[in-house]
Amino acid sequence: MNKQFEKLSRLAVEVEEKLGGLSKKQLNWKPSPDVWSVGQCLDHLVVTNKQEIPAIKAGLAGEHNKTVWERLPLLSSVMGKFIVKSVDPSNKRKNNAPKTFQPSQSDIGTDIVKEYLKTSGEIQELIKQSERVPARRMIITSPVAKVATYSIHDALKIVVLHDQRHFNQAIRVMETEGFPA
């Protein structure tokens, strides 16, 4: 998990350096109506991470009662690998975010970078905590679907890869012709 901690720590620095100084206009600019703005990419990560954090915390604290789906180790293993692969930044296939993870459609304020950094810090702390427990054997349920279960180890890996994927998306928006100076 140290690798995941390092990746997320570096990403937080990059987010602050590259996105922290953007104006509200820049954060909300969209290259086209069907493409997220930089702000929406960050808002999506904040929304997603805030929904994932409680399940990971409860699992790490041992305050989690296993569901029927979580008691099926093969399902959790397969599901974890599948989701890790689908959110990996090297996977060029576009995924539609579930409704519960959709970003705001309205103007996003400049505080979104600080909000992201706060959730990133919480995830970094959970990664540290996971190093003291058998995180590969601790199973939790996705906030999206009750049948989607995976280990806490995979959950943390999913968060880190997912954050990197959408940071890359935000950078592509900034590199699009017409992005406000």
N, C-alpha and C. Protein backbone atom coordinates (compact mmCIF):
# COMPACT_ATOMS: atom_id res chain seq x y z
N MET A 1 0.82 -1.21 0.00
CA MET A 1 0.00 0.00 0.00
C MET A 1 0.85 1.26 0.00
N ASN A 2 2.11 1.16 0.40
CA ASN A 2 2.98 2.33 0.37
C ASN A 2 3.00 2.97 -1.01
N LYS A 3 2.96 2.14 -2.03
CA LYS A 3 2.96 2.61 -3.42
C LYS A 3 1.72 3.49 -3.67
N GLN A 4 0.57 3.05 -3.18
CA GLN A 4 -0.66 3.82 -3.36
C GLN A 4 -0.58 5.15 -2.61
N PHE A 5 -0.02 5.12 -1.41
CA PHE A 5 0.14 6.34 -0.62
C PHE A 5 1.01 7.34 -1.38
N GLU A 6 2.13 6.85 -1.91
CA GLU A 6 3.04 7.72 -2.66
C GLU A 6 2.36 8.30 -3.89
N LYS A 7 1.62 7.46 -4.61
CA LYS A 7 0.91 7.94 -5.82
C LYS A 7 -0.08 9.04 -5.46
N LEU A 8 -0.86 8.81 -4.41
CA LEU A 8 -1.88 9.79 -4.03
C LEU A 8 -1.25 11.06 -3.48
N SER A 9 -0.16 10.93 -2.75
CA SER A 9 0.55 12.10 -2.24
C SER A 9 1.08 12.96 -3.39
N ARG A 10 1.69 12.31 -4.37
CA ARG A 10 2.19 13.04 -5.55
C ARG A 10 1.05 13.68 -6.31
N LEU A 11 -0.05 12.96 -6.44
CA LEU A 11 -1.20 13.50 -7.15
C LEU A 11 -1.75 14.74 -6.44
N ALA A 12 -1.83 14.70 -5.13
CA ALA A 12 -2.32 15.86 -4.37
C ALA A 12 -1.45 17.09 -4.64
N VAL A 13 -0.15 16.89 -4.69
CA VAL A 13 0.77 17.99 -4.98
C VAL A 13 0.51 18.53 -6.40
N GLU A 14 0.34 17.62 -7.36
CA GLU A 14 0.07 18.03 -8.74
C GLU A 14 -1.26 18.79 -8.85
N VAL A 15 -2.28 18.30 -8.16
CA VAL A 15 -3.58 18.97 -8.19
C VAL A 15 -3.42 20.40 -7.67
N GLU A 16 -2.74 20.54 -6.55
CA GLU A 16 -2.57 21.87 -5.98
C GLU A 16 -1.76 22.78 -6.91
N GLU A 17 -0.68 22.24 -7.47
CA GLU A 17 0.18 23.03 -8.35
C GLU A 17 -0.50 23.42 -9.66
N LYS A 18 -1.16 22.47 -10.29
CA LYS A 18 -1.71 22.70 -11.63
C LYS A 18 -3.13 23.24 -11.65
N LEU A 19 -3.91 22.94 -10.61
CA LEU A 19 -5.31 23.35 -10.61
C LEU A 19 -5.64 24.37 -9.53
N GLY A 20 -4.76 24.49 -8.54
CA GLY A 20 -5.03 25.36 -7.39
C GLY A 20 -5.17 26.83 -7.72
N GLY A 21 -4.54 27.29 -8.77
CA GLY A 21 -4.59 28.70 -9.12
C GLY A 21 -5.60 29.05 -10.20
N LEU A 22 -6.42 28.08 -10.59
CA LEU A 22 -7.40 28.35 -11.64
C LEU A 22 -8.52 29.25 -11.14
N SER A 23 -9.00 30.09 -12.02
CA SER A 23 -10.13 30.98 -11.70
C SER A 23 -11.42 30.18 -11.80
N LYS A 24 -12.49 30.77 -11.30
CA LYS A 24 -13.81 30.13 -11.38
C LYS A 24 -14.18 29.92 -12.85
N LYS A 25 -13.85 30.89 -13.69
CA LYS A 25 -14.15 30.77 -15.13
C LYS A 25 -13.41 29.58 -15.73
N GLN A 26 -12.13 29.43 -15.38
CA GLN A 26 -11.34 28.31 -15.90
C GLN A 26 -11.86 26.98 -15.37
N LEU A 27 -12.21 26.94 -14.10
CA LEU A 27 -12.72 25.69 -13.51
C LEU A 27 -14.03 25.24 -14.15
N ASN A 28 -14.84 26.18 -14.60
CA ASN A 28 -16.16 25.85 -15.13
C ASN A 28 -16.23 25.80 -16.64
N TRP A 29 -15.14 26.11 -17.33
CA TRP A 29 -15.13 26.09 -18.80
C TRP A 29 -15.22 24.65 -19.30
N LYS A 30 -16.07 24.46 -20.31
CA LYS A 30 -16.25 23.14 -20.91
C LYS A 30 -15.96 23.22 -22.40
N PRO A 31 -15.17 22.30 -22.92
CA PRO A 31 -14.88 22.30 -24.36
C PRO A 31 -16.13 22.02 -25.20
N SER A 32 -17.07 21.29 -24.63
CA SER A 32 -18.35 21.01 -25.29
C SER A 32 -19.35 20.61 -24.20
N PRO A 33 -20.63 20.66 -24.52
CA PRO A 33 -21.64 20.37 -23.48
C PRO A 33 -21.55 18.98 -22.87
N ASP A 34 -21.02 18.01 -23.62
CA ASP A 34 -20.97 16.64 -23.11
C ASP A 34 -19.64 16.27 -22.45
N VAL A 35 -18.76 17.25 -22.25
CA VAL A 35 -17.47 17.02 -21.60
C VAL A 35 -17.44 17.77 -20.28
N TRP A 36 -16.95 17.12 -19.25
CA TRP A 36 -16.87 17.76 -17.94
C TRP A 36 -15.83 18.86 -17.94
N SER A 37 -16.08 19.87 -17.13
CA SER A 37 -15.10 20.92 -16.88
C SER A 37 -14.07 20.41 -15.88
N VAL A 38 -12.98 21.17 -15.70
CA VAL A 38 -11.98 20.83 -14.69
C VAL A 38 -12.66 20.75 -13.32
N GLY A 39 -13.51 21.73 -13.02
CA GLY A 39 -14.22 21.75 -11.74
C GLY A 39 -15.11 20.54 -11.55
N GLN A 40 -15.78 20.12 -12.61
CA GLN A 40 -16.65 18.95 -12.52
C GLN A 40 -15.83 17.68 -12.29
N CYS A 41 -14.65 17.59 -12.89
CA CYS A 41 -13.77 16.43 -12.64
C CYS A 41 -13.43 16.36 -11.16
N LEU A 42 -13.05 17.50 -10.59
CA LEU A 42 -12.71 17.53 -9.15
C LEU A 42 -13.93 17.28 -8.28
N ASP A 43 -15.06 17.87 -8.64
CA ASP A 43 -16.29 17.67 -7.87
C ASP A 43 -16.68 16.20 -7.87
N HIS A 44 -16.54 15.55 -9.01
CA HIS A 44 -16.82 14.12 -9.11
C HIS A 44 -15.94 13.32 -8.15
N LEU A 45 -14.67 13.68 -8.07
CA LEU A 45 -13.75 12.98 -7.16
C LEU A 45 -14.13 13.22 -5.70
N VAL A 46 -14.51 14.44 -5.37
CA VAL A 46 -14.93 14.74 -4.00
C VAL A 46 -16.17 13.94 -3.65
N VAL A 47 -17.16 13.95 -4.54
CA VAL A 47 -18.41 13.21 -4.30
C VAL A 47 -18.13 11.72 -4.15
N THR A 48 -17.34 11.18 -5.05
CA THR A 48 -17.02 9.75 -5.02
C THR A 48 -16.25 9.38 -3.75
N ASN A 49 -15.20 10.14 -3.45
CA ASN A 49 -14.38 9.83 -2.28
C ASN A 49 -15.17 9.94 -0.98
N LYS A 50 -16.04 10.95 -0.89
CA LYS A 50 -16.85 11.11 0.32
C LYS A 50 -17.80 9.93 0.53
N GLN A 51 -18.19 9.27 -0.53
CA GLN A 51 -19.07 8.11 -0.40
C GLN A 51 -18.28 6.83 -0.10
N GLU A 52 -17.04 6.79 -0.53
CA GLU A 52 -16.22 5.59 -0.30
C GLU A 52 -15.58 5.60 1.09
N ILE A 53 -15.21 6.77 1.59
CA ILE A 53 -14.49 6.88 2.86
C ILE A 53 -15.21 6.21 4.03
N PRO A 54 -16.51 6.43 4.26
CA PRO A 54 -17.17 5.80 5.41
C PRO A 54 -17.10 4.27 5.42
N ALA A 55 -17.26 3.66 4.25
CA ALA A 55 -17.21 2.19 4.18
C ALA A 55 -15.80 1.69 4.51
N ILE A 56 -14.79 2.38 3.99
CA ILE A 56 -13.42 1.97 4.27
C ILE A 56 -13.11 2.15 5.76
N LYS A 57 -13.52 3.29 6.33
CA LYS A 57 -13.29 3.55 7.76
C LYS A 57 -13.94 2.47 8.62
N ALA A 58 -15.20 2.17 8.32
CA ALA A 58 -15.92 1.17 9.11
C ALA A 58 -15.25 -0.20 8.99
N GLY A 59 -14.83 -0.55 7.78
CA GLY A 59 -14.15 -1.82 7.58
C GLY A 59 -12.84 -1.90 8.35
N LEU A 60 -12.07 -0.84 8.31
CA LEU A 60 -10.79 -0.82 9.02
C LEU A 60 -10.97 -0.86 10.53
N ALA A 61 -12.06 -0.27 11.00
CA ALA A 61 -12.32 -0.22 12.45
C ALA A 61 -12.98 -1.50 12.95
N GLY A 62 -13.31 -2.40 12.04
CA GLY A 62 -13.98 -3.63 12.44
C GLY A 62 -15.43 -3.42 12.83
N GLU A 63 -15.99 -2.31 12.40
CA GLU A 63 -17.38 -1.95 12.73
C GLU A 63 -18.31 -2.23 11.57
N HIS A 64 -18.02 -3.28 10.86
CA HIS A 64 -18.75 -3.57 9.64
C HIS A 64 -19.31 -4.98 9.70
N ASN A 65 -20.60 -5.12 9.55
CA ASN A 65 -21.22 -6.44 9.49
C ASN A 65 -21.27 -6.88 8.04
N LYS A 66 -20.69 -8.04 7.76
CA LYS A 66 -20.62 -8.52 6.39
C LYS A 66 -22.00 -8.84 5.83
N THR A 67 -22.20 -8.39 4.58
CA THR A 67 -23.43 -8.72 3.86
C THR A 67 -23.26 -10.11 3.25
N VAL A 68 -24.33 -10.63 2.71
CA VAL A 68 -24.29 -11.93 2.04
C VAL A 68 -23.27 -11.89 0.90
N TRP A 69 -23.29 -10.80 0.12
CA TRP A 69 -22.39 -10.68 -1.03
C TRP A 69 -20.92 -10.62 -0.59
N GLU A 70 -20.66 -10.01 0.54
CA GLU A 70 -19.29 -9.88 1.02
C GLU A 70 -18.73 -11.20 1.52
N ARG A 71 -19.60 -12.14 1.79
CA ARG A 71 -19.16 -13.45 2.27
C ARG A 71 -18.75 -14.39 1.14
N LEU A 72 -18.85 -13.89 -0.09
CA LEU A 72 -18.48 -14.68 -1.26
C LEU A 72 -17.11 -14.20 -1.75
N PRO A 73 -16.03 -14.83 -1.27
CA PRO A 73 -14.69 -14.31 -1.57
C PRO A 73 -14.35 -14.25 -3.06
N LEU A 74 -14.82 -15.20 -3.83
CA LEU A 74 -14.53 -15.18 -5.25
C LEU A 74 -15.16 -13.96 -5.91
N LEU A 75 -16.39 -13.65 -5.53
CA LEU A 75 -17.08 -12.48 -6.09
C LEU A 75 -16.29 -11.21 -5.80
N SER A 76 -15.86 -11.05 -4.56
CA SER A 76 -15.12 -9.85 -4.17
C SER A 76 -13.80 -9.74 -4.92
N SER A 77 -13.13 -10.85 -5.09
CA SER A 77 -11.86 -10.84 -5.80
C SER A 77 -12.05 -10.46 -7.27
N VAL A 78 -13.01 -11.07 -7.91
CA VAL A 78 -13.29 -10.80 -9.32
C VAL A 78 -13.76 -9.36 -9.49
N MET A 79 -14.67 -8.93 -8.64
CA MET A 79 -15.22 -7.58 -8.74
C MET A 79 -14.13 -6.54 -8.51
N GLY A 80 -13.29 -6.75 -7.52
CA GLY A 80 -12.21 -5.82 -7.24
C GLY A 80 -11.29 -5.66 -8.44
N LYS A 81 -10.87 -6.79 -9.02
CA LYS A 81 -9.99 -6.74 -10.19
C LYS A 81 -10.66 -6.04 -11.37
N PHE A 82 -11.93 -6.32 -11.56
CA PHE A 82 -12.68 -5.71 -12.67
C PHE A 82 -12.74 -4.18 -12.51
N ILE A 83 -13.06 -3.71 -11.31
CA ILE A 83 -13.19 -2.26 -11.09
C ILE A 83 -11.82 -1.59 -11.16
N VAL A 84 -10.81 -2.22 -10.60
CA VAL A 84 -9.45 -1.67 -10.69
C VAL A 84 -9.09 -1.46 -12.16
N LYS A 85 -9.35 -2.47 -12.96
CA LYS A 85 -9.02 -2.38 -14.40
C LYS A 85 -9.84 -1.29 -15.09
N SER A 86 -11.10 -1.15 -14.73
CA SER A 86 -11.97 -0.18 -15.41
C SER A 86 -11.62 1.27 -15.08
N VAL A 87 -11.08 1.54 -13.89
CA VAL A 87 -10.73 2.92 -13.52
C VAL A 87 -9.26 3.25 -13.78
N ASP A 88 -8.47 2.28 -14.15
CA ASP A 88 -7.06 2.52 -14.41
C ASP A 88 -6.91 3.58 -15.51
N PRO A 89 -6.08 4.60 -15.28
CA PRO A 89 -5.91 5.64 -16.30
C PRO A 89 -5.44 5.12 -17.66
N SER A 90 -4.77 3.97 -17.69
CA SER A 90 -4.32 3.41 -18.97
C SER A 90 -5.48 2.81 -19.77
N ASN A 91 -6.62 2.57 -19.12
CA ASN A 91 -7.80 2.06 -19.80
C ASN A 91 -8.47 3.24 -20.49
N LYS A 92 -8.45 3.25 -21.80
CA LYS A 92 -8.97 4.39 -22.58
C LYS A 92 -10.49 4.33 -22.77
N ARG A 93 -11.10 3.25 -22.34
CA ARG A 93 -12.55 3.11 -22.48
C ARG A 93 -13.26 4.10 -21.57
N LYS A 94 -14.20 4.85 -22.11
CA LYS A 94 -14.95 5.83 -21.33
C LYS A 94 -16.01 5.11 -20.49
N ASN A 95 -16.08 5.47 -19.22
CA ASN A 95 -17.08 4.90 -18.32
C ASN A 95 -18.04 6.01 -17.93
N ASN A 96 -19.31 5.70 -17.87
CA ASN A 96 -20.28 6.67 -17.40
C ASN A 96 -20.38 6.57 -15.88
N ALA A 97 -20.29 7.72 -15.23
CA ALA A 97 -20.38 7.74 -13.77
C ALA A 97 -21.80 7.44 -13.33
N PRO A 98 -21.97 6.59 -12.31
CA PRO A 98 -23.30 6.35 -11.77
C PRO A 98 -23.92 7.66 -11.27
N LYS A 99 -25.24 7.73 -11.25
CA LYS A 99 -25.92 8.97 -10.85
C LYS A 99 -25.45 9.47 -9.49
N THR A 100 -25.19 8.57 -8.55
CA THR A 100 -24.77 9.00 -7.21
C THR A 100 -23.40 9.65 -7.22
N PHE A 101 -22.63 9.45 -8.28
CA PHE A 101 -21.29 10.02 -8.39
C PHE A 101 -21.20 11.16 -9.39
N GLN A 102 -22.32 11.60 -9.92
CA GLN A 102 -22.31 12.68 -10.90
C GLN A 102 -21.86 13.98 -10.26
N PRO A 103 -21.05 14.76 -10.99
CA PRO A 103 -20.64 16.06 -10.46
C PRO A 103 -21.77 17.07 -10.56
N SER A 104 -21.58 18.18 -9.90
CA SER A 104 -22.53 19.28 -9.95
C SER A 104 -22.60 19.80 -11.38
N GLN A 105 -23.77 20.19 -11.80
CA GLN A 105 -23.94 20.77 -13.14
C GLN A 105 -23.87 22.28 -13.10
N SER A 106 -23.80 22.85 -11.90
CA SER A 106 -23.79 24.30 -11.76
C SER A 106 -22.37 24.82 -11.60
N ASP A 107 -22.25 26.11 -11.41
CA ASP A 107 -20.93 26.71 -11.22
C ASP A 107 -20.25 26.12 -9.99
N ILE A 108 -19.00 25.77 -10.18
CA ILE A 108 -18.20 25.19 -9.11
C ILE A 108 -17.21 26.26 -8.66
N GLY A 109 -17.15 26.45 -7.35
CA GLY A 109 -16.28 27.49 -6.79
C GLY A 109 -14.83 27.06 -6.73
N THR A 110 -13.97 28.04 -6.51
CA THR A 110 -12.53 27.78 -6.46
C THR A 110 -12.13 26.96 -5.23
N ASP A 111 -13.03 26.80 -4.27
CA ASP A 111 -12.72 25.99 -3.09
C ASP A 111 -12.74 24.49 -3.39
N ILE A 112 -13.10 24.11 -4.61
CA ILE A 112 -13.18 22.69 -4.96
C ILE A 112 -11.81 22.02 -4.85
N VAL A 113 -10.74 22.76 -5.13
CA VAL A 113 -9.40 22.18 -5.02
C VAL A 113 -9.11 21.83 -3.56
N LYS A 114 -9.44 22.73 -2.64
CA LYS A 114 -9.24 22.46 -1.21
C LYS A 114 -10.10 21.30 -0.76
N GLU A 115 -11.34 21.22 -1.26
CA GLU A 115 -12.22 20.10 -0.91
C GLU A 115 -11.61 18.78 -1.37
N TYR A 116 -11.07 18.79 -2.60
CA TYR A 116 -10.44 17.57 -3.10
C TYR A 116 -9.24 17.20 -2.22
N LEU A 117 -8.40 18.19 -1.92
CA LEU A 117 -7.20 17.91 -1.11
C LEU A 117 -7.57 17.38 0.26
N LYS A 118 -8.68 17.83 0.80
CA LYS A 118 -9.14 17.32 2.10
C LYS A 118 -9.51 15.83 2.00
N THR A 119 -10.30 15.47 0.99
CA THR A 119 -10.67 14.05 0.85
C THR A 119 -9.45 13.20 0.51
N SER A 120 -8.53 13.76 -0.27
CA SER A 120 -7.30 13.04 -0.59
C SER A 120 -6.50 12.77 0.68
N GLY A 121 -6.43 13.75 1.57
CA GLY A 121 -5.74 13.57 2.84
C GLY A 121 -6.39 12.48 3.69
N GLU A 122 -7.72 12.43 3.67
CA GLU A 122 -8.43 11.38 4.42
C GLU A 122 -8.10 10.01 3.84
N ILE A 123 -8.07 9.91 2.53
CA ILE A 123 -7.75 8.63 1.89
C ILE A 123 -6.30 8.24 2.20
N GLN A 124 -5.39 9.20 2.18
CA GLN A 124 -4.00 8.92 2.51
C GLN A 124 -3.89 8.35 3.93
N GLU A 125 -4.65 8.91 4.84
CA GLU A 125 -4.65 8.41 6.23
C GLU A 125 -5.20 6.98 6.28
N LEU A 126 -6.23 6.70 5.51
CA LEU A 126 -6.80 5.35 5.47
C LEU A 126 -5.80 4.36 4.88
N ILE A 127 -5.03 4.80 3.91
CA ILE A 127 -4.00 3.93 3.34
C ILE A 127 -2.99 3.57 4.42
N LYS A 128 -2.56 4.54 5.21
CA LYS A 128 -1.63 4.27 6.32
C LYS A 128 -2.24 3.26 7.30
N GLN A 129 -3.51 3.48 7.65
CA GLN A 129 -4.18 2.58 8.60
C GLN A 129 -4.28 1.17 8.02
N SER A 130 -4.49 1.06 6.73
CA SER A 130 -4.67 -0.26 6.11
C SER A 130 -3.41 -1.10 6.17
N GLU A 131 -2.27 -0.47 6.37
CA GLU A 131 -1.00 -1.20 6.44
C GLU A 131 -0.88 -2.00 7.73
N ARG A 132 -1.72 -1.70 8.71
CA ARG A 132 -1.65 -2.38 10.01
C ARG A 132 -2.67 -3.51 10.15
N VAL A 133 -3.43 -3.76 9.10
CA VAL A 133 -4.47 -4.79 9.15
C VAL A 133 -4.41 -5.65 7.88
N PRO A 134 -5.11 -6.78 7.88
CA PRO A 134 -5.12 -7.62 6.67
C PRO A 134 -6.13 -7.06 5.64
N ALA A 135 -5.79 -5.92 5.03
CA ALA A 135 -6.71 -5.20 4.14
C ALA A 135 -7.14 -6.00 2.92
N ARG A 136 -6.32 -6.95 2.50
CA ARG A 136 -6.69 -7.78 1.34
C ARG A 136 -7.82 -8.76 1.68
N ARG A 137 -8.00 -9.04 2.97
CA ARG A 137 -9.04 -9.99 3.39
C ARG A 137 -10.27 -9.29 3.96
N MET A 138 -10.21 -7.99 4.11
CA MET A 138 -11.33 -7.22 4.67
C MET A 138 -12.19 -6.74 3.51
N ILE A 139 -13.42 -7.23 3.45
CA ILE A 139 -14.30 -6.98 2.31
C ILE A 139 -15.36 -5.94 2.67
N ILE A 140 -15.59 -5.01 1.71
CA ILE A 140 -16.63 -3.99 1.87
C ILE A 140 -17.47 -3.94 0.60
N THR A 141 -18.56 -3.22 0.67
CA THR A 141 -19.47 -3.07 -0.46
C THR A 141 -19.33 -1.70 -1.07
N SER A 142 -19.40 -1.66 -2.38
CA SER A 142 -19.35 -0.40 -3.11
C SER A 142 -20.56 0.46 -2.75
N PRO A 143 -20.40 1.78 -2.67
CA PRO A 143 -21.55 2.63 -2.42
C PRO A 143 -22.51 2.69 -3.62
N VAL A 144 -22.10 2.14 -4.75
CA VAL A 144 -22.93 2.18 -5.96
C VAL A 144 -23.90 1.01 -6.04
N ALA A 145 -23.40 -0.21 -5.78
CA ALA A 145 -24.23 -1.40 -5.95
C ALA A 145 -23.93 -2.41 -4.86
N LYS A 146 -24.98 -2.98 -4.28
CA LYS A 146 -24.82 -3.93 -3.17
C LYS A 146 -24.11 -5.22 -3.57
N VAL A 147 -24.15 -5.57 -4.84
CA VAL A 147 -23.47 -6.79 -5.28
C VAL A 147 -22.01 -6.54 -5.62
N ALA A 148 -21.61 -5.27 -5.67
CA ALA A 148 -20.21 -4.93 -5.98
C ALA A 148 -19.43 -4.88 -4.67
N THR A 149 -18.67 -5.93 -4.43
CA THR A 149 -17.87 -6.02 -3.21
C THR A 149 -16.41 -6.18 -3.59
N TYR A 150 -15.54 -5.70 -2.70
CA TYR A 150 -14.11 -5.80 -2.94
C TYR A 150 -13.39 -5.60 -1.63
N SER A 151 -12.10 -5.93 -1.64
CA SER A 151 -11.30 -5.79 -0.42
C SER A 151 -11.01 -4.31 -0.18
N ILE A 152 -10.67 -3.99 1.05
CA ILE A 152 -10.26 -2.62 1.38
C ILE A 152 -9.00 -2.28 0.59
N HIS A 153 -8.12 -3.25 0.42
CA HIS A 153 -6.92 -3.05 -0.40
C HIS A 153 -7.33 -2.60 -1.80
N ASP A 154 -8.27 -3.31 -2.42
CA ASP A 154 -8.73 -2.93 -3.75
C ASP A 154 -9.47 -1.60 -3.73
N ALA A 155 -10.25 -1.34 -2.69
CA ALA A 155 -10.99 -0.08 -2.59
C ALA A 155 -10.03 1.11 -2.62
N LEU A 156 -8.95 1.01 -1.88
CA LEU A 156 -7.97 2.10 -1.83
C LEU A 156 -7.25 2.24 -3.17
N LYS A 157 -6.95 1.13 -3.79
CA LYS A 157 -6.32 1.15 -5.11
C LYS A 157 -7.28 1.78 -6.13
N ILE A 158 -8.55 1.44 -6.04
CA ILE A 158 -9.57 2.00 -6.94
C ILE A 158 -9.62 3.52 -6.79
N VAL A 159 -9.64 4.00 -5.55
CA VAL A 159 -9.71 5.44 -5.31
C VAL A 159 -8.50 6.14 -5.92
N VAL A 160 -7.31 5.62 -5.71
CA VAL A 160 -6.10 6.26 -6.22
C VAL A 160 -6.10 6.28 -7.75
N LEU A 161 -6.40 5.16 -8.37
CA LEU A 161 -6.44 5.11 -9.84
C LEU A 161 -7.53 6.01 -10.39
N HIS A 162 -8.68 6.00 -9.76
CA HIS A 162 -9.81 6.82 -10.19
C HIS A 162 -9.46 8.31 -10.11
N ASP A 163 -8.81 8.70 -9.01
CA ASP A 163 -8.39 10.09 -8.86
C ASP A 163 -7.41 10.47 -9.96
N GLN A 164 -6.45 9.61 -10.25
CA GLN A 164 -5.48 9.89 -11.31
C GLN A 164 -6.16 9.99 -12.67
N ARG A 165 -7.10 9.11 -12.92
CA ARG A 165 -7.83 9.10 -14.20
C ARG A 165 -8.52 10.44 -14.44
N HIS A 166 -9.21 10.95 -13.40
CA HIS A 166 -9.95 12.20 -13.59
C HIS A 166 -9.06 13.44 -13.51
N PHE A 167 -7.93 13.35 -12.83
CA PHE A 167 -6.95 14.43 -12.90
C PHE A 167 -6.43 14.53 -14.33
N ASN A 168 -6.11 13.39 -14.94
CA ASN A 168 -5.66 13.38 -16.34
C ASN A 168 -6.73 14.00 -17.25
N GLN A 169 -7.99 13.68 -16.98
CA GLN A 169 -9.10 14.24 -17.75
C GLN A 169 -9.13 15.76 -17.59
N ALA A 170 -8.94 16.26 -16.38
CA ALA A 170 -8.94 17.70 -16.13
C ALA A 170 -7.81 18.38 -16.89
N ILE A 171 -6.64 17.76 -16.91
CA ILE A 171 -5.50 18.31 -17.64
C ILE A 171 -5.80 18.36 -19.13
N ARG A 172 -6.45 17.33 -19.66
CA ARG A 172 -6.82 17.34 -21.09
C ARG A 172 -7.77 18.50 -21.39
N VAL A 173 -8.69 18.80 -20.48
CA VAL A 173 -9.59 19.95 -20.66
C VAL A 173 -8.78 21.23 -20.74
N MET A 174 -7.80 21.37 -19.87
CA MET A 174 -6.96 22.57 -19.85
C MET A 174 -6.12 22.70 -21.12
N GLU A 175 -5.83 21.59 -21.75
CA GLU A 175 -5.01 21.60 -22.97
C GLU A 175 -5.85 21.78 -24.23
N THR A 176 -7.17 21.84 -24.07
CA THR A 176 -8.06 21.99 -25.20
C THR A 176 -8.03 23.42 -25.71
N GLU A 177 -8.05 23.55 -27.03
CA GLU A 177 -8.09 24.88 -27.64
C GLU A 177 -9.29 25.64 -27.14
N GLY A 178 -9.07 26.88 -26.76
CA GLY A 178 -10.15 27.72 -26.26
C GLY A 178 -10.22 27.82 -24.75
N PHE A 179 -9.37 27.03 -24.04
CA PHE A 179 -9.37 27.10 -22.58
C PHE A 179 -8.99 28.51 -22.18
N PRO A 180 -9.77 29.15 -21.28
CA PRO A 180 -9.50 30.54 -20.91
C PRO A 180 -8.12 30.74 -20.30
N ALA A 181 -7.48 31.83 -20.72
CA ALA A 181 -6.14 32.16 -20.20
C ALA A 181 -6.25 32.78 -18.82
